[in-house]
Protein backbone atom coordinates (compact mmCIF):
# COMPACT_ATOMS: atom_id res chain seq x y z
CA MET A 1 125.68 57.78 72.03
CA PRO A 2 125.42 61.32 73.46
CA THR A 3 126.04 64.19 71.11
CA ASP A 4 129.17 66.29 71.60
CA GLY A 5 129.04 68.26 74.82
CA GLN A 6 126.26 66.20 76.40
CA VAL A 7 126.52 64.69 79.86
CA PRO A 8 125.10 61.14 79.48
CA LEU A 9 122.73 61.21 82.48
CA ILE A 10 121.69 64.85 81.99
CA GLY A 11 121.33 64.33 78.24
CA ARG A 12 118.76 61.59 78.76
CA ILE A 13 116.60 63.84 80.92
CA PHE A 14 117.07 67.43 79.79
CA PRO A 15 117.24 69.07 76.35
CA SER A 16 120.52 70.26 74.88
CA PRO A 17 121.17 74.02 74.92
CA VAL A 18 120.61 75.99 71.73
CA ALA A 19 122.22 79.20 73.03
CA ALA A 20 124.31 80.47 75.92
CA LYS A 21 122.85 79.43 79.28
CA VAL A 22 124.33 82.22 81.42
CA PRO A 23 123.85 86.01 81.36
CA GLU A 24 126.16 88.62 79.94
CA VAL A 25 128.29 90.24 82.64
CA LEU A 26 126.78 93.69 83.17
CA VAL A 27 126.52 95.83 86.30
CA SER A 28 123.22 94.07 87.02
CA PHE A 29 125.06 90.74 87.12
CA TRP A 30 127.35 91.89 89.93
CA VAL A 31 124.47 93.53 91.79
CA LEU A 32 122.48 90.30 91.68
CA LYS A 33 125.50 88.21 92.55
CA ILE A 34 126.05 90.19 95.75
CA LEU A 35 122.32 90.27 96.58
CA SER A 36 122.06 86.50 96.12
CA THR A 37 125.16 85.80 98.18
CA ALA A 38 123.89 87.99 101.01
CA GLY A 39 120.38 86.58 100.80
CA GLY A 40 121.65 83.02 100.62
CA GLU A 41 123.76 83.51 103.74
CA ALA A 42 120.87 84.95 105.76
CA THR A 43 118.37 82.37 104.48
CA SER A 44 120.64 79.44 105.30
CA ASP A 45 121.30 80.81 108.78
CA TYR A 46 117.56 81.22 109.33
CA LEU A 47 116.85 77.66 108.16
CA LYS A 48 119.40 76.35 110.68
CA THR A 49 116.90 77.18 113.42
CA TYR A 50 114.86 74.23 112.10
CA GLY A 51 117.77 71.80 112.46
CA ASN A 52 119.70 69.71 109.96
CA ILE A 53 116.73 67.57 108.94
CA LYS A 54 114.07 70.21 108.30
CA GLY A 55 116.31 73.17 107.55
CA GLY A 56 118.91 71.19 105.62
CA GLY A 57 116.16 69.30 103.80
CA ALA A 58 114.61 72.58 102.67
CA GLU A 59 117.98 73.68 101.30
CA VAL A 60 118.36 70.43 99.34
CA VAL A 61 114.84 70.77 97.91
CA LEU A 62 115.49 74.34 96.75
CA PHE A 63 118.76 73.22 95.18
CA VAL A 64 117.16 70.31 93.30
CA VAL A 65 114.26 72.46 92.08
CA GLY A 66 116.76 75.06 90.87
CA LEU A 67 118.76 72.43 88.97
CA VAL A 68 115.64 71.09 87.27
CA LEU A 69 114.44 74.56 86.27
CA GLN A 70 117.82 75.64 84.90
CA PHE A 71 118.68 72.46 83.01
CA SER A 72 115.16 72.30 81.55
CA THR A 73 115.77 75.53 79.66
CA ARG A 74 117.53 75.58 76.29
CA ARG A 75 118.84 79.12 76.58
CA TYR A 76 119.38 81.70 79.34
CA ARG A 77 116.23 82.55 81.28
CA ALA A 78 116.67 85.11 84.06
CA PHE A 79 114.31 83.52 86.60
CA ALA A 80 115.64 79.99 86.12
CA TYR A 81 119.28 81.08 86.24
CA TRP A 82 118.98 83.29 89.32
CA PHE A 83 116.71 80.85 91.16
CA LEU A 84 119.46 78.24 90.91
CA ALA A 85 122.15 80.78 91.83
CA TYR A 86 120.14 81.77 94.92
CA ALA A 87 119.49 78.13 95.82
CA ILE A 88 123.22 77.40 95.54
CA ALA A 89 123.95 80.41 97.75
CA ILE A 90 121.70 78.88 100.40
CA PHE A 91 122.83 75.26 99.99
CA GLY A 92 126.52 76.13 99.63
CA THR A 93 126.36 78.08 102.88
CA GLY A 94 124.64 75.16 104.57
CA VAL A 95 127.22 72.62 103.43
CA SER A 96 130.17 74.82 104.42
CA ASP A 97 128.65 75.59 107.82
CA PHE A 98 127.83 71.90 108.39
CA LEU A 99 131.49 70.99 107.94
CA HIS A 100 132.44 73.55 110.59
CA LEU A 101 129.57 73.34 113.08
CA ASP A 102 128.75 69.63 112.92
CA VAL A 103 131.89 67.95 111.63
CA GLY A 104 134.15 70.28 113.60
CA ILE A 105 136.57 71.41 110.89
CA PRO A 106 137.96 74.87 111.75
CA TYR A 107 137.32 77.72 109.32
CA ALA A 108 140.93 77.67 108.16
CA GLY A 109 140.50 73.99 107.29
CA THR A 110 137.23 74.42 105.40
CA THR A 111 138.66 77.40 103.53
CA LEU A 112 141.67 75.35 102.44
CA LEU A 113 139.44 72.40 101.53
CA TRP A 114 137.26 74.47 99.21
CA VAL A 115 140.31 76.20 97.67
CA VAL A 116 141.67 72.78 96.70
CA VAL A 117 138.29 71.54 95.40
CA LEU A 118 137.73 74.72 93.39
CA ALA A 119 141.24 74.65 91.91
CA ALA A 120 140.76 71.01 90.90
CA THR A 121 137.44 71.87 89.26
CA PHE A 122 139.00 74.70 87.26
CA PHE A 123 141.84 72.40 86.19
CA ILE A 124 139.52 69.60 85.04
CA TRP A 125 137.17 72.05 83.29
CA GLN A 126 140.03 73.74 81.44
CA ARG A 127 141.58 70.41 80.49
CA SER A 128 138.25 69.05 79.24
CA GLU A 129 136.86 72.08 77.42
CA GLY A 130 139.88 74.28 76.70
CA THR A 131 138.22 77.39 78.12
CA LEU A 132 136.64 78.69 81.32
CA SER A 133 134.83 81.51 79.54
CA ILE A 134 131.18 82.16 80.39
CA HIS A 135 130.65 82.84 76.70
CA SER A 136 131.29 79.16 76.03
CA ILE A 137 128.45 77.79 78.19
CA THR A 138 126.52 76.36 75.26
CA THR A 139 126.71 72.62 76.01
CA GLN A 140 125.47 70.49 78.88
CA ARG A 141 128.97 69.45 79.88
CA ARG A 142 130.19 73.04 80.10
CA GLU A 143 127.08 74.03 82.00
CA ALA A 144 127.67 71.20 84.48
CA PHE A 145 131.24 72.42 85.01
CA TYR A 146 129.95 75.98 85.39
CA TRP A 147 127.42 75.18 88.12
CA ALA A 148 129.84 72.90 89.97
CA THR A 149 132.28 75.82 89.99
CA VAL A 150 129.58 78.21 91.20
CA PHE A 151 128.72 75.86 94.06
CA PHE A 152 132.34 75.56 95.18
CA THR A 153 132.84 79.34 95.00
CA PHE A 154 129.86 79.82 97.31
CA ALA A 155 131.13 77.21 99.77
CA LEU A 156 134.62 78.72 99.68
CA GLY A 157 133.32 82.25 100.13
CA THR A 158 131.26 81.24 103.15
CA ALA A 159 134.26 79.64 104.85
CA LEU A 160 136.58 82.52 103.93
CA GLY A 161 134.20 85.19 105.19
CA ASP A 162 133.73 83.38 108.50
CA PHE A 163 137.49 82.89 108.76
CA THR A 164 138.25 86.61 108.46
CA ALA A 165 135.33 87.68 110.64
CA THR A 166 135.77 85.21 113.50
CA THR A 167 139.13 83.42 113.36
CA LEU A 168 141.05 86.58 112.45
CA GLY A 169 138.76 88.68 114.65
CA LEU A 170 137.94 91.36 112.09
CA GLY A 171 134.20 91.24 112.65
CA TYR A 172 131.57 91.27 109.92
CA LEU A 173 131.70 94.93 108.90
CA ALA A 174 135.49 95.07 108.63
CA SER A 175 135.43 91.80 106.65
CA GLY A 176 132.87 93.25 104.27
CA ILE A 177 134.99 96.37 103.76
CA LEU A 178 138.09 94.22 103.24
CA PHE A 179 136.45 92.18 100.50
CA SER A 180 135.00 95.34 98.93
CA VAL A 181 138.59 96.44 98.38
CA VAL A 182 139.87 93.02 97.33
CA ILE A 183 137.20 92.67 94.64
CA LEU A 184 138.56 95.78 92.90
CA ILE A 185 142.01 94.23 92.42
CA PRO A 186 141.11 91.87 89.53
CA ALA A 187 139.21 94.65 87.76
CA LEU A 188 142.13 97.05 88.08
CA ALA A 189 144.60 94.37 87.00
CA TRP A 190 142.44 93.62 83.94
CA LYS A 191 141.98 97.26 83.01
CA GLY A 192 145.47 98.52 83.70
CA PHE A 193 147.82 95.55 83.52
CA GLY A 194 146.30 93.22 80.94
CA LEU A 195 145.12 90.45 83.27
CA ASN A 196 143.30 87.73 81.34
CA SER A 197 139.60 88.66 81.30
CA VAL A 198 138.43 85.15 82.19
CA ALA A 199 140.82 84.98 85.14
CA ALA A 200 139.70 88.44 86.29
CA PHE A 201 136.05 87.38 86.10
CA TRP A 202 136.48 84.26 88.21
CA MET A 203 138.68 86.03 90.78
CA SER A 204 135.99 88.67 91.22
CA TYR A 205 133.27 86.03 91.23
CA VAL A 206 134.88 84.19 94.15
CA VAL A 207 135.23 87.38 96.20
CA THR A 208 131.57 88.38 95.82
CA ARG A 209 130.61 85.53 98.14
CA PRO A 210 132.49 86.59 101.28
CA LEU A 211 131.69 90.22 100.44
CA GLY A 212 127.92 89.68 100.34
CA ALA A 213 127.90 87.19 103.20
CA SER A 214 129.92 89.49 105.48
CA PHE A 215 127.50 92.38 105.04
CA ALA A 216 124.50 90.05 105.45
CA ASP A 217 125.97 88.77 108.73
CA TYR A 218 126.72 92.33 109.85
CA ILE A 219 123.08 93.26 109.28
CA SER A 220 121.54 90.11 110.76
CA LYS A 221 123.76 88.99 113.65
CA PRO A 222 123.53 90.11 117.31
CA HIS A 223 125.58 92.98 118.70
CA ASN A 224 127.79 90.67 120.76
CA ILE A 225 129.26 89.15 117.59
CA SER A 226 129.68 92.50 115.78
CA GLY A 227 126.30 92.64 114.02
CA ILE A 228 123.43 95.15 114.23
CA ASP A 229 120.86 92.46 115.17
CA PHE A 230 118.27 92.90 112.42
CA GLY A 231 117.72 89.13 112.44
CA ASP A 232 118.33 86.34 109.94
CA GLY A 233 114.69 86.06 108.85
CA PRO A 234 114.07 89.76 108.13
CA THR A 235 117.45 90.08 106.43
CA ALA A 236 116.67 87.08 104.21
CA VAL A 237 113.31 88.58 103.22
CA VAL A 238 114.80 91.98 102.33
CA PHE A 239 117.50 90.52 100.11
CA ALA A 240 115.08 88.06 98.50
CA LEU A 241 112.67 90.87 97.59
CA ALA A 242 115.50 92.99 96.19
CA THR A 243 116.69 90.05 94.11
CA VAL A 244 113.21 89.36 92.74
CA ALA A 245 112.84 93.03 91.77
CA VAL A 246 116.09 93.11 89.78
CA VAL A 247 115.49 89.71 88.16
CA SER A 248 111.97 90.79 87.15
CA TYR A 249 113.45 93.79 85.37
CA LEU A 250 116.00 91.62 83.57
CA ALA A 251 113.35 89.09 82.56
CA ALA A 252 111.25 91.87 81.04
CA ALA A 253 113.92 94.11 79.49
CA ARG A 254 116.42 91.32 78.68
CA PRO A 255 119.54 93.50 78.52
CA ASP A 256 121.73 90.63 79.74
CA ILE A 257 121.10 88.17 76.91
CA GLN A 258 124.41 87.12 75.37
CA ARG A 259 124.51 88.10 71.72
CA PRO A 260 125.72 85.56 69.13
CA GLY A 261 129.43 85.90 68.49
CA THR A 262 130.16 87.48 71.88
CA ALA A 263 133.66 86.62 72.98
CA ASP A 264 136.06 87.48 75.76
CA THR A 265 138.79 89.99 75.06
CA ALA A 266 141.34 87.35 76.02
CA ALA A 267 141.09 83.61 75.74
CA ALA A 268 141.31 81.44 78.83
């Protein structure tokens, strides 16, 4: 029988965590989250030039490698964690775009789809574990819920960013500015009006995806669709290098390791 908190299949392959498997939420966390979302968007768009088989296959391989690396660790490791986050940024973009470009679902439809899927995931996670706090990611089951949620936030953010930029006609820069303002709302509500800290975190987390993706598209896309035409490939390289630099610092200095006994200021 699996021990408490184990996922049967995962538990037979990977070791159980002995400490928190996600980083503490510092400024560096939000910087990397936006860098990875932007880089994932540009990388996925670049891989599309190789088609669904080669490009999509590369995204799946990166995702699987990231899962293996992350679930093989027993505590938070910066490179393993952010490799998987970056891989999900790429793969989540690819899946969301596939539903629109190949299946033909409009951006409003894919946005609504991922809202429903994400809400269902939060509901099941809360019902199963009693908390959505990142400070509780100390079991395989909670980590599985966490990464499923991360994936759906990336897919949702991709669809939402494309919806505002194209369907609503705002363009990429205006969409990026819009989400830069929206992301401040949960923080202000938490600071000034007592919004639950876990709710504020996840609200902000969701918004980082369309924020980063909108600015990545603004940088990479051609002028005729409101970009500055730097190119998907060069944009992907720039954001990847910036991400590696910040992660290397975190891996060496380790300021983002969760300390034992860390707790949210308000329970989920």
